[in-house]
Amino acid sequence: MLRVEGIESEMEFAFGELHQLFLPVLDVLGLLPGPQAAAMRSILGLTDEVVRDRLTVGLAVLTMLSEIASEGPLLCLVDDAQWLDQPSVTRRPRSSS
């Protein structure tokens, strides 16, 4: 089981929720393709590299979840999703037009 909790006071910390979600399973990083592993290491603060491509981050998240789920059933819980930081959500907000 992986769990993340959105916290209103932490909404400004980019990728904070992804860090919270994947901290217990960092060993999976070694199974990701090079660019995806580099993107995850960057957002988790393990390198000084700048996150350049949100698509690669999104693919890395999916690959990590797939790798974890390949070992058995996976439950991923998200509490208080309205407080997740935008970079962790990896989607663009809808326009209000």
PDB file of N, CA and C in Angstrom:
ATOM      1  N   MET A   1       0.842  -1.168   0.000  1.00  0.00           N
ATOM      2  CA  MET A   1       0.000   0.000   0.000  1.00  0.00           C
ATOM      3  C   MET A   1       0.894   1.240   0.000  1.00  0.00           C
ATOM      4  N   LEU A   2       0.561   2.177  -0.862  1.00  0.00           N
ATOM      5  CA  LEU A   2       1.213   3.484  -0.877  1.00  0.00           C
ATOM      6  C   LEU A   2       0.155   4.515  -0.524  1.00  0.00           C
ATOM      7  N   ARG A   3       0.552   5.509   0.245  1.00  0.00           N
ATOM      8  CA  ARG A   3      -0.409   6.504   0.700  1.00  0.00           C
ATOM      9  C   ARG A   3       0.214   7.893   0.626  1.00  0.00           C
ATOM     10  N   VAL A   4      -0.599   8.850   0.225  1.00  0.00           N
ATOM     11  CA  VAL A   4      -0.178  10.245   0.206  1.00  0.00           C
ATOM     12  C   VAL A   4      -1.326  11.082   0.759  1.00  0.00           C
ATOM     13  N   GLU A   5      -0.963  12.124   1.480  1.00  0.00           N
ATOM     14  CA  GLU A   5      -1.963  13.010   2.060  1.00  0.00           C
ATOM     15  C   GLU A   5      -1.656  14.439   1.660  1.00  0.00           C
ATOM     16  N   GLY A   6      -2.611  15.064   0.980  1.00  0.00           N
ATOM     17  CA  GLY A   6      -2.457  16.467   0.632  1.00  0.00           C
ATOM     18  C   GLY A   6      -2.588  17.326   1.874  1.00  0.00           C
ATOM     19  N   ILE A   7      -1.685  18.271   2.031  1.00  0.00           N
ATOM     20  CA  ILE A   7      -1.694  19.147   3.194  1.00  0.00           C
ATOM     21  C   ILE A   7      -1.676  20.591   2.691  1.00  0.00           C
ATOM     22  N   GLU A   8      -2.685  21.353   3.078  1.00  0.00           N
ATOM     23  CA  GLU A   8      -2.842  22.711   2.559  1.00  0.00           C
ATOM     24  C   GLU A   8      -1.584  23.555   2.727  1.00  0.00           C
ATOM     25  N   SER A   9      -0.938  23.482   3.868  1.00  0.00           N
ATOM     26  CA  SER A   9       0.241  24.319   4.115  1.00  0.00           C
ATOM     27  C   SER A   9       1.459  23.888   3.307  1.00  0.00           C
ATOM     28  N   GLU A  10       1.392  22.720   2.659  1.00  0.00           N
ATOM     29  CA  GLU A  10       2.519  22.227   1.855  1.00  0.00           C
ATOM     30  C   GLU A  10       2.257  22.288   0.356  1.00  0.00           C
ATOM     31  N   MET A  11       1.165  22.945  -0.037  1.00  0.00           N
ATOM     32  CA  MET A  11       0.816  23.012  -1.460  1.00  0.00           C
ATOM     33  C   MET A  11       1.876  23.699  -2.312  1.00  0.00           C
ATOM     34  N   GLU A  12       2.673  24.558  -1.714  1.00  0.00           N
ATOM     35  CA  GLU A  12       3.684  25.305  -2.455  1.00  0.00           C
ATOM     36  C   GLU A  12       4.976  24.527  -2.664  1.00  0.00           C
ATOM     37  N   PHE A  13       5.119  23.365  -2.049  1.00  0.00           N
ATOM     38  CA  PHE A  13       6.327  22.548  -2.202  1.00  0.00           C
ATOM     39  C   PHE A  13       6.162  21.641  -3.419  1.00  0.00           C
ATOM     40  N   ALA A  14       6.822  21.994  -4.511  1.00  0.00           N
ATOM     41  CA  ALA A  14       6.699  21.224  -5.744  1.00  0.00           C
ATOM     42  C   ALA A  14       7.115  19.772  -5.538  1.00  0.00           C
ATOM     43  N   PHE A  15       6.284  18.872  -5.997  1.00  0.00           N
ATOM     44  CA  PHE A  15       6.506  17.431  -5.962  1.00  0.00           C
ATOM     45  C   PHE A  15       6.567  16.863  -4.543  1.00  0.00           C
ATOM     46  N   GLY A  16       6.088  17.613  -3.571  1.00  0.00           N
ATOM     47  CA  GLY A  16       6.104  17.138  -2.187  1.00  0.00           C
ATOM     48  C   GLY A  16       5.316  15.860  -1.999  1.00  0.00           C
ATOM     49  N   GLU A  17       4.168  15.772  -2.659  1.00  0.00           N
ATOM     50  CA  GLU A  17       3.342  14.577  -2.501  1.00  0.00           C
ATOM     51  C   GLU A  17       3.937  13.369  -3.212  1.00  0.00           C
ATOM     52  N   LEU A  18       4.587  13.585  -4.340  1.00  0.00           N
ATOM     53  CA  LEU A  18       5.262  12.443  -4.984  1.00  0.00           C
ATOM     54  C   LEU A  18       6.395  11.936  -4.103  1.00  0.00           C
ATOM     55  N   HIS A  19       7.080  12.847  -3.448  1.00  0.00           N
ATOM     56  CA  HIS A  19       8.135  12.452  -2.516  1.00  0.00           C
ATOM     57  C   HIS A  19       7.532  11.616  -1.386  1.00  0.00           C
ATOM     58  N   GLN A  20       6.423  12.089  -0.832  1.00  0.00           N
ATOM     59  CA  GLN A  20       5.738  11.377   0.244  1.00  0.00           C
ATOM     60  C   GLN A  20       5.275   9.995  -0.221  1.00  0.00           C
ATOM     61  N   LEU A  21       4.772   9.908  -1.443  1.00  0.00           N
ATOM     62  CA  LEU A  21       4.245   8.656  -1.975  1.00  0.00           C
ATOM     63  C   LEU A  21       5.339   7.623  -2.210  1.00  0.00           C
ATOM     64  N   PHE A  22       6.459   8.050  -2.790  1.00  0.00           N
ATOM     65  CA  PHE A  22       7.478   7.091  -3.222  1.00  0.00           C
ATOM     66  C   PHE A  22       8.655   6.927  -2.258  1.00  0.00           C
ATOM     67  N   LEU A  23       8.712   7.694  -1.191  1.00  0.00           N
ATOM     68  CA  LEU A  23       9.807   7.559  -0.232  1.00  0.00           C
ATOM     69  C   LEU A  23       9.980   6.120   0.273  1.00  0.00           C
ATOM     70  N   PRO A  24       8.902   5.401   0.568  1.00  0.00           N
ATOM     71  CA  PRO A  24       9.077   4.031   1.070  1.00  0.00           C
ATOM     72  C   PRO A  24       9.570   3.029   0.020  1.00  0.00           C
ATOM     73  N   VAL A  25       9.558   3.400  -1.256  1.00  0.00           N
ATOM     74  CA  VAL A  25       9.913   2.441  -2.311  1.00  0.00           C
ATOM     75  C   VAL A  25      10.990   2.987  -3.249  1.00  0.00           C
ATOM     76  N   LEU A  26      11.924   3.742  -2.718  1.00  0.00           N
ATOM     77  CA  LEU A  26      12.978   4.344  -3.544  1.00  0.00           C
ATOM     78  C   LEU A  26      13.833   3.297  -4.258  1.00  0.00           C
ATOM     79  N   ASP A  27      13.869   2.080  -3.755  1.00  0.00           N
ATOM     80  CA  ASP A  27      14.669   1.041  -4.400  1.00  0.00           C
ATOM     81  C   ASP A  27      14.169   0.718  -5.807  1.00  0.00           C
ATOM     82  N   VAL A  28      12.952   1.084  -6.116  1.00  0.00           N
ATOM     83  CA  VAL A  28      12.384   0.835  -7.446  1.00  0.00           C
ATOM     84  C   VAL A  28      13.014   1.742  -8.503  1.00  0.00           C
ATOM     85  N   LEU A  29      13.623   2.842  -8.086  1.00  0.00           N
ATOM     86  CA  LEU A  29      14.244   3.768  -9.044  1.00  0.00           C
ATOM     87  C   LEU A  29      15.227   3.060  -9.963  1.00  0.00           C
ATOM     88  N   GLY A  30      15.916   2.071  -9.460  1.00  0.00           N
ATOM     89  CA  GLY A  30      16.899   1.342 -10.260  1.00  0.00           C
ATOM     90  C   GLY A  30      16.287   0.535 -11.391  1.00  0.00           C
ATOM     91  N   LEU A  31      14.975   0.340 -11.377  1.00  0.00           N
ATOM     92  CA  LEU A  31      14.296  -0.431 -12.421  1.00  0.00           C
ATOM     93  C   LEU A  31      13.758   0.442 -13.550  1.00  0.00           C
ATOM     94  N   LEU A  32      13.810   1.755 -13.366  1.00  0.00           N
ATOM     95  CA  LEU A  32      13.277   2.672 -14.375  1.00  0.00           C
ATOM     96  C   LEU A  32      14.269   2.898 -15.509  1.00  0.00           C
ATOM     97  N   PRO A  33      13.752   3.171 -16.721  1.00  0.00           N
ATOM     98  CA  PRO A  33      14.638   3.583 -17.814  1.00  0.00           C
ATOM     99  C   PRO A  33      15.384   4.855 -17.416  1.00  0.00           C
ATOM    100  N   GLY A  34      16.565   5.056 -17.975  1.00  0.00           N
ATOM    101  CA  GLY A  34      17.449   6.166 -17.605  1.00  0.00           C
ATOM    102  C   GLY A  34      16.798   7.527 -17.477  1.00  0.00           C
ATOM    103  N   PRO A  35      16.093   8.021 -18.511  1.00  0.00           N
ATOM    104  CA  PRO A  35      15.493   9.356 -18.413  1.00  0.00           C
ATOM    105  C   PRO A  35      14.426   9.445 -17.317  1.00  0.00           C
ATOM    106  N   GLN A  36      13.656   8.388 -17.136  1.00  0.00           N
ATOM    107  CA  GLN A  36      12.638   8.386 -16.099  1.00  0.00           C
ATOM    108  C   GLN A  36      13.274   8.371 -14.711  1.00  0.00           C
ATOM    109  N   ALA A  37      14.305   7.564 -14.543  1.00  0.00           N
ATOM    110  CA  ALA A  37      15.011   7.509 -13.258  1.00  0.00           C
ATOM    111  C   ALA A  37      15.631   8.866 -12.943  1.00  0.00           C
ATOM    112  N   ALA A  38      16.206   9.515 -13.944  1.00  0.00           N
ATOM    113  CA  ALA A  38      16.813  10.834 -13.744  1.00  0.00           C
ATOM    114  C   ALA A  38      15.749  11.855 -13.341  1.00  0.00           C
ATOM    115  N   ALA A  39      14.587  11.801 -13.984  1.00  0.00           N
ATOM    116  CA  ALA A  39      13.500  12.724 -13.651  1.00  0.00           C
ATOM    117  C   ALA A  39      13.026  12.505 -12.215  1.00  0.00           C
ATOM    118  N   MET A  40      12.867  11.249 -11.818  1.00  0.00           N
ATOM    119  CA  MET A  40      12.420  10.966 -10.451  1.00  0.00           C
ATOM    120  C   MET A  40      13.469  11.387  -9.427  1.00  0.00           C
ATOM    121  N   ARG A  41      14.729  11.116  -9.719  1.00  0.00           N
ATOM    122  CA  ARG A  41      15.787  11.533  -8.789  1.00  0.00           C
ATOM    123  C   ARG A  41      15.790  13.054  -8.631  1.00  0.00           C
ATOM    124  N   SER A  42      15.499  13.745  -9.719  1.00  0.00           N
ATOM    125  CA  SER A  42      15.458  15.205  -9.688  1.00  0.00           C
ATOM    126  C   SER A  42      14.317  15.714  -8.819  1.00  0.00           C
ATOM    127  N   ILE A  43      13.108  15.200  -9.034  1.00  0.00           N
ATOM    128  CA  ILE A  43      11.971  15.703  -8.261  1.00  0.00           C
ATOM    129  C   ILE A  43      12.030  15.282  -6.800  1.00  0.00           C
ATOM    130  N   LEU A  44      12.739  14.202  -6.515  1.00  0.00           N
ATOM    131  CA  LEU A  44      12.870  13.746  -5.132  1.00  0.00           C
ATOM    132  C   LEU A  44      14.038  14.421  -4.418  1.00  0.00           C
ATOM    133  N   GLY A  45      14.746  15.295  -5.142  1.00  0.00           N
ATOM    134  CA  GLY A  45      15.846  16.033  -4.533  1.00  0.00           C
ATOM    135  C   GLY A  45      17.103  15.209  -4.339  1.00  0.00           C
ATOM    136  N   LEU A  46      17.237  14.136  -5.102  1.00  0.00           N
ATOM    137  CA  LEU A  46      18.414  13.280  -4.975  1.00  0.00           C
ATOM    138  C   LEU A  46      19.558  13.731  -5.870  1.00  0.00           C
ATOM    139  N   THR A  47      19.271  14.667  -6.783  1.00  0.00           N
ATOM    140  CA  THR A  47      20.296  15.251  -7.649  1.00  0.00           C
ATOM    141  C   THR A  47      20.050  16.756  -7.742  1.00  0.00           C
ATOM    142  N   ASP A  48      20.991  17.455  -8.347  1.00  0.00           N
ATOM    143  CA  ASP A  48      20.846  18.896  -8.547  1.00  0.00           C
ATOM    144  C   ASP A  48      20.196  19.234  -9.881  1.00  0.00           C
ATOM    145  N   GLU A  49      19.846  18.217 -10.656  1.00  0.00           N
ATOM    146  CA  GLU A  49      19.233  18.449 -11.961  1.00  0.00           C
ATOM    147  C   GLU A  49      17.882  19.142 -11.817  1.00  0.00           C
ATOM    148  N   VAL A  50      17.521  19.922 -12.815  1.00  0.00           N
ATOM    149  CA  VAL A  50      16.242  20.621 -12.856  1.00  0.00           C
ATOM    150  C   VAL A  50      15.238  19.756 -13.602  1.00  0.00           C
ATOM    151  N   VAL A  51      14.010  19.724 -13.125  1.00  0.00           N
ATOM    152  CA  VAL A  51      12.951  18.985 -13.818  1.00  0.00           C
ATOM    153  C   VAL A  51      12.603  19.759 -15.080  1.00  0.00           C
ATOM    154  N   ARG A  52      12.813  19.131 -16.222  1.00  0.00           N
ATOM    155  CA  ARG A  52      12.594  19.829 -17.495  1.00  0.00           C
ATOM    156  C   ARG A  52      11.345  19.354 -18.217  1.00  0.00           C
ATOM    157  N   ASP A  53      10.931  18.132 -17.984  1.00  0.00           N
ATOM    158  CA  ASP A  53       9.872  17.543 -18.788  1.00  0.00           C
ATOM    159  C   ASP A  53       8.865  16.832 -17.887  1.00  0.00           C
ATOM    160  N   ARG A  54       7.693  17.434 -17.723  1.00  0.00           N
ATOM    161  CA  ARG A  54       6.673  16.834 -16.866  1.00  0.00           C
ATOM    162  C   ARG A  54       6.137  15.532 -17.444  1.00  0.00           C
ATOM    163  N   LEU A  55       6.197  15.363 -18.757  1.00  0.00           N
ATOM    164  CA  LEU A  55       5.745  14.114 -19.364  1.00  0.00           C
ATOM    165  C   LEU A  55       6.610  12.948 -18.880  1.00  0.00           C
ATOM    166  N   THR A  56       7.921  13.168 -18.828  1.00  0.00           N
ATOM    167  CA  THR A  56       8.824  12.123 -18.351  1.00  0.00           C
ATOM    168  C   THR A  56       8.558  11.802 -16.887  1.00  0.00           C
ATOM    169  N   VAL A  57       8.250  12.819 -16.099  1.00  0.00           N
ATOM    170  CA  VAL A  57       7.897  12.597 -14.691  1.00  0.00           C
ATOM    171  C   VAL A  57       6.632  11.741 -14.610  1.00  0.00           C
ATOM    172  N   GLY A  58       5.641  12.078 -15.398  1.00  0.00           N
ATOM    173  CA  GLY A  58       4.396  11.298 -15.416  1.00  0.00           C
ATOM    174  C   GLY A  58       4.636   9.850 -15.810  1.00  0.00           C
ATOM    175  N   LEU A  59       5.468   9.645 -16.831  1.00  0.00           N
ATOM    176  CA  LEU A  59       5.805   8.275 -17.244  1.00  0.00           C
ATOM    177  C   LEU A  59       6.563   7.536 -16.146  1.00  0.00           C
ATOM    178  N   ALA A  60       7.440   8.248 -15.461  1.00  0.00           N
ATOM    179  CA  ALA A  60       8.202   7.641 -14.371  1.00  0.00           C
ATOM    180  C   ALA A  60       7.273   7.207 -13.238  1.00  0.00           C
ATOM    181  N   VAL A  61       6.285   8.036 -12.932  1.00  0.00           N
ATOM    182  CA  VAL A  61       5.313   7.683 -11.892  1.00  0.00           C
ATOM    183  C   VAL A  61       4.565   6.413 -12.296  1.00  0.00           C
ATOM    184  N   LEU A  62       4.084   6.362 -13.533  1.00  0.00           N
ATOM    185  CA  LEU A  62       3.373   5.171 -14.004  1.00  0.00           C
ATOM    186  C   LEU A  62       4.267   3.935 -14.002  1.00  0.00           C
ATOM    187  N   THR A  63       5.509   4.102 -14.413  1.00  0.00           N
ATOM    188  CA  THR A  63       6.435   2.969 -14.434  1.00  0.00           C
ATOM    189  C   THR A  63       6.720   2.482 -13.022  1.00  0.00           C
ATOM    190  N   MET A  64       6.921   3.406 -12.094  1.00  0.00           N
ATOM    191  CA  MET A  64       7.168   2.993 -10.706  1.00  0.00           C
ATOM    192  C   MET A  64       5.971   2.242 -10.150  1.00  0.00           C
ATOM    193  N   LEU A  65       4.764   2.755 -10.377  1.00  0.00           N
ATOM    194  CA  LEU A  65       3.577   2.065  -9.889  1.00  0.00           C
ATOM    195  C   LEU A  65       3.444   0.688 -10.531  1.00  0.00           C
ATOM    196  N   SER A  66       3.742   0.592 -11.820  1.00  0.00           N
ATOM    197  CA  SER A  66       3.685  -0.704 -12.510  1.00  0.00           C
ATOM    198  C   SER A  66       4.691  -1.684 -11.950  1.00  0.00           C
ATOM    199  N   GLU A  67       5.902  -1.222 -11.691  1.00  0.00           N
ATOM    200  CA  GLU A  67       6.940  -2.092 -11.132  1.00  0.00           C
ATOM    201  C   GLU A  67       6.548  -2.591  -9.741  1.00  0.00           C
ATOM    202  N   ILE A  68       5.998  -1.702  -8.940  1.00  0.00           N
ATOM    203  CA  ILE A  68       5.583  -2.087  -7.589  1.00  0.00           C
ATOM    204  C   ILE A  68       4.425  -3.079  -7.666  1.00  0.00           C
ATOM    205  N   ALA A  69       3.476  -2.820  -8.562  1.00  0.00           N
ATOM    206  CA  ALA A  69       2.314  -3.699  -8.708  1.00  0.00           C
ATOM    207  C   ALA A  69       2.683  -5.052  -9.304  1.00  0.00           C
ATOM    208  N   SER A  70       3.806  -5.134  -9.997  1.00  0.00           N
ATOM    209  CA  SER A  70       4.203  -6.419 -10.578  1.00  0.00           C
ATOM    210  C   SER A  70       4.602  -7.430  -9.503  1.00  0.00           C
ATOM    211  N   GLU A  71       4.872  -6.945  -8.293  1.00  0.00           N
ATOM    212  CA  GLU A  71       5.244  -7.820  -7.186  1.00  0.00           C
ATOM    213  C   GLU A  71       4.028  -8.313  -6.411  1.00  0.00           C
ATOM    214  N   GLY A  72       2.865  -7.767  -6.671  1.00  0.00           N
ATOM    215  CA  GLY A  72       1.640  -8.154  -5.977  1.00  0.00           C
ATOM    216  C   GLY A  72       0.637  -7.035  -6.033  1.00  0.00           C
ATOM    217  N   PRO A  73      -0.530  -7.229  -5.439  1.00  0.00           N
ATOM    218  CA  PRO A  73      -1.558  -6.187  -5.462  1.00  0.00           C
ATOM    219  C   PRO A  73      -1.040  -4.878  -4.861  1.00  0.00           C
ATOM    220  N   LEU A  74      -1.487  -3.772  -5.438  1.00  0.00           N
ATOM    221  CA  LEU A  74      -1.068  -2.452  -4.980  1.00  0.00           C
ATOM    222  C   LEU A  74      -2.303  -1.599  -4.731  1.00  0.00           C
ATOM    223  N   LEU A  75      -2.352  -1.011  -3.566  1.00  0.00           N
ATOM    224  CA  LEU A  75      -3.387  -0.049  -3.224  1.00  0.00           C
ATOM    225  C   LEU A  75      -2.710   1.294  -3.053  1.00  0.00           C
ATOM    226  N   CYS A  76      -3.186   2.293  -3.771  1.00  0.00           N
ATOM    227  CA  CYS A  76      -2.613   3.632  -3.694  1.00  0.00           C
ATOM    228  C   CYS A  76      -3.703   4.579  -3.208  1.00  0.00           C
ATOM    229  N   LEU A  77      -3.526   5.113  -2.003  1.00  0.00           N
ATOM    230  CA  LEU A  77      -4.522   5.984  -1.384  1.00  0.00           C
ATOM    231  C   LEU A  77      -4.085   7.440  -1.469  1.00  0.00           C
ATOM    232  N   VAL A  78      -5.027   8.305  -1.795  1.00  0.00           N
ATOM    233  CA  VAL A  78      -4.775   9.748  -1.825  1.00  0.00           C
ATOM    234  C   VAL A  78      -5.822  10.409  -0.942  1.00  0.00           C
ATOM    235  N   ASP A  79      -5.384  10.978   0.159  1.00  0.00           N
ATOM    236  CA  ASP A  79      -6.273  11.716   1.058  1.00  0.00           C
ATOM    237  C   ASP A  79      -6.139  13.200   0.787  1.00  0.00           C
ATOM    238  N   ASP A  80      -7.258  13.905   0.856  1.00  0.00           N
ATOM    239  CA  ASP A  80      -7.285  15.356   0.677  1.00  0.00           C
ATOM    240  C   ASP A  80      -6.610  15.792  -0.621  1.00  0.00           C
ATOM    241  N   ALA A  81      -7.064  15.192  -1.714  1.00  0.00           N
ATOM    242  CA  ALA A  81      -6.471  15.462  -3.028  1.00  0.00           C
ATOM    243  C   ALA A  81      -6.540  16.940  -3.409  1.00  0.00           C
ATOM    244  N   GLN A  82      -7.499  17.665  -2.880  1.00  0.00           N
ATOM    245  CA  GLN A  82      -7.619  19.090  -3.220  1.00  0.00           C
ATOM    246  C   GLN A  82      -6.409  19.891  -2.759  1.00  0.00           C
ATOM    247  N   TRP A  83      -5.616  19.346  -1.822  1.00  0.00           N
ATOM    248  CA  TRP A  83      -4.449  20.052  -1.305  1.00  0.00           C
ATOM    249  C   TRP A  83      -3.134  19.576  -1.919  1.00  0.00           C
ATOM    250  N   LEU A  84      -3.185  18.705  -2.920  1.00  0.00           N
ATOM    251  CA  LEU A  84      -1.950  18.254  -3.567  1.00  0.00           C
ATOM    252  C   LEU A  84      -1.305  19.404  -4.330  1.00  0.00           C
ATOM    253  N   ASP A  85       0.015  19.447  -4.326  1.00  0.00           N
ATOM    254  CA  ASP A  85       0.712  20.477  -5.097  1.00  0.00           C
ATOM    255  C   ASP A  85       0.543  20.185  -6.585  1.00  0.00           C
ATOM    256  N   GLN A  86       0.448  21.225  -7.395  1.00  0.00           N
ATOM    257  CA  GLN A  86       0.199  21.056  -8.827  1.00  0.00           C
ATOM    258  C   GLN A  86       1.246  20.197  -9.549  1.00  0.00           C
ATOM    259  N   PRO A  87       2.543  20.376  -9.287  1.00  0.00           N
ATOM    260  CA  PRO A  87       3.504  19.519  -9.982  1.00  0.00           C
ATOM    261  C   PRO A  87       3.321  18.026  -9.685  1.00  0.00           C
ATOM    262  N   SER A  88       2.905  17.668  -8.476  1.00  0.00           N
ATOM    263  CA  SER A  88       2.672  16.262  -8.151  1.00  0.00           C
ATOM    264  C   SER A  88       1.467  15.702  -8.883  1.00  0.00           C
ATOM    265  N   VAL A  89       0.508  16.563  -9.151  1.00  0.00           N
ATOM    266  CA  VAL A  89      -0.705  16.119  -9.829  1.00  0.00           C
ATOM    267  C   VAL A  89      -0.407  15.816 -11.298  1.00  0.00           C
ATOM    268  N   THR A  90       0.590  16.479 -11.866  1.00  0.00           N
ATOM    269  CA  THR A  90       1.042  16.321 -13.259  1.00  0.00           C
ATOM    270  C   THR A  90      -0.089  16.459 -14.272  1.00  0.00           C
ATOM    271  N   ARG A  91      -0.963  17.379 -14.005  1.00  0.00           N
ATOM    272  CA  ARG A  91      -1.985  17.725 -14.994  1.00  0.00           C
ATOM    273  C   ARG A  91      -2.131  19.231 -14.985  1.00  0.00           C
ATOM    274  N   ARG A  92      -2.630  19.735 -16.049  1.00  0.00           N
ATOM    275  CA  ARG A  92      -2.862  21.174 -16.114  1.00  0.00           C
ATOM    276  C   ARG A  92      -4.273  21.462 -15.622  1.00  0.00           C
ATOM    277  N   PRO A  93      -4.426  22.526 -14.822  1.00  0.00           N
ATOM    278  CA  PRO A  93      -5.776  22.883 -14.372  1.00  0.00           C
ATOM    279  C   PRO A  93      -6.635  23.281 -15.563  1.00  0.00           C
ATOM    280  N   ARG A  94      -7.931  22.993 -15.477  1.00  0.00           N
ATOM    281  CA  ARG A  94      -8.843  23.386 -16.533  1.00  0.00           C
ATOM    282  C   ARG A  94      -9.009  24.894 -16.537  1.00  0.00           C
ATOM    283  N   SER A  95      -9.145  25.453 -17.737  1.00  0.00           N
ATOM    284  CA  SER A  95      -9.362  26.894 -17.819  1.00  0.00           C
ATOM    285  C   SER A  95     -10.789  27.194 -17.390  1.00  0.00           C
ATOM    286  N   SER A  96     -10.997  28.369 -16.894  1.00  0.00           N
ATOM    287  CA  SER A  96     -12.339  28.743 -16.402  1.00  0.00           C
ATOM    288  C   SER A  96     -13.134  29.498 -17.450  1.00  0.00           C
ATOM    289  N   SER A  97     -12.776  29.337 -18.715  1.00  0.00           N
ATOM    290  CA  SER A  97     -13.516  30.062 -19.758  1.00  0.00           C
ATOM    291  C   SER A  97     -14.765  29.353 -20.178  1.00  0.00           C
TER     292      SER A  97
END
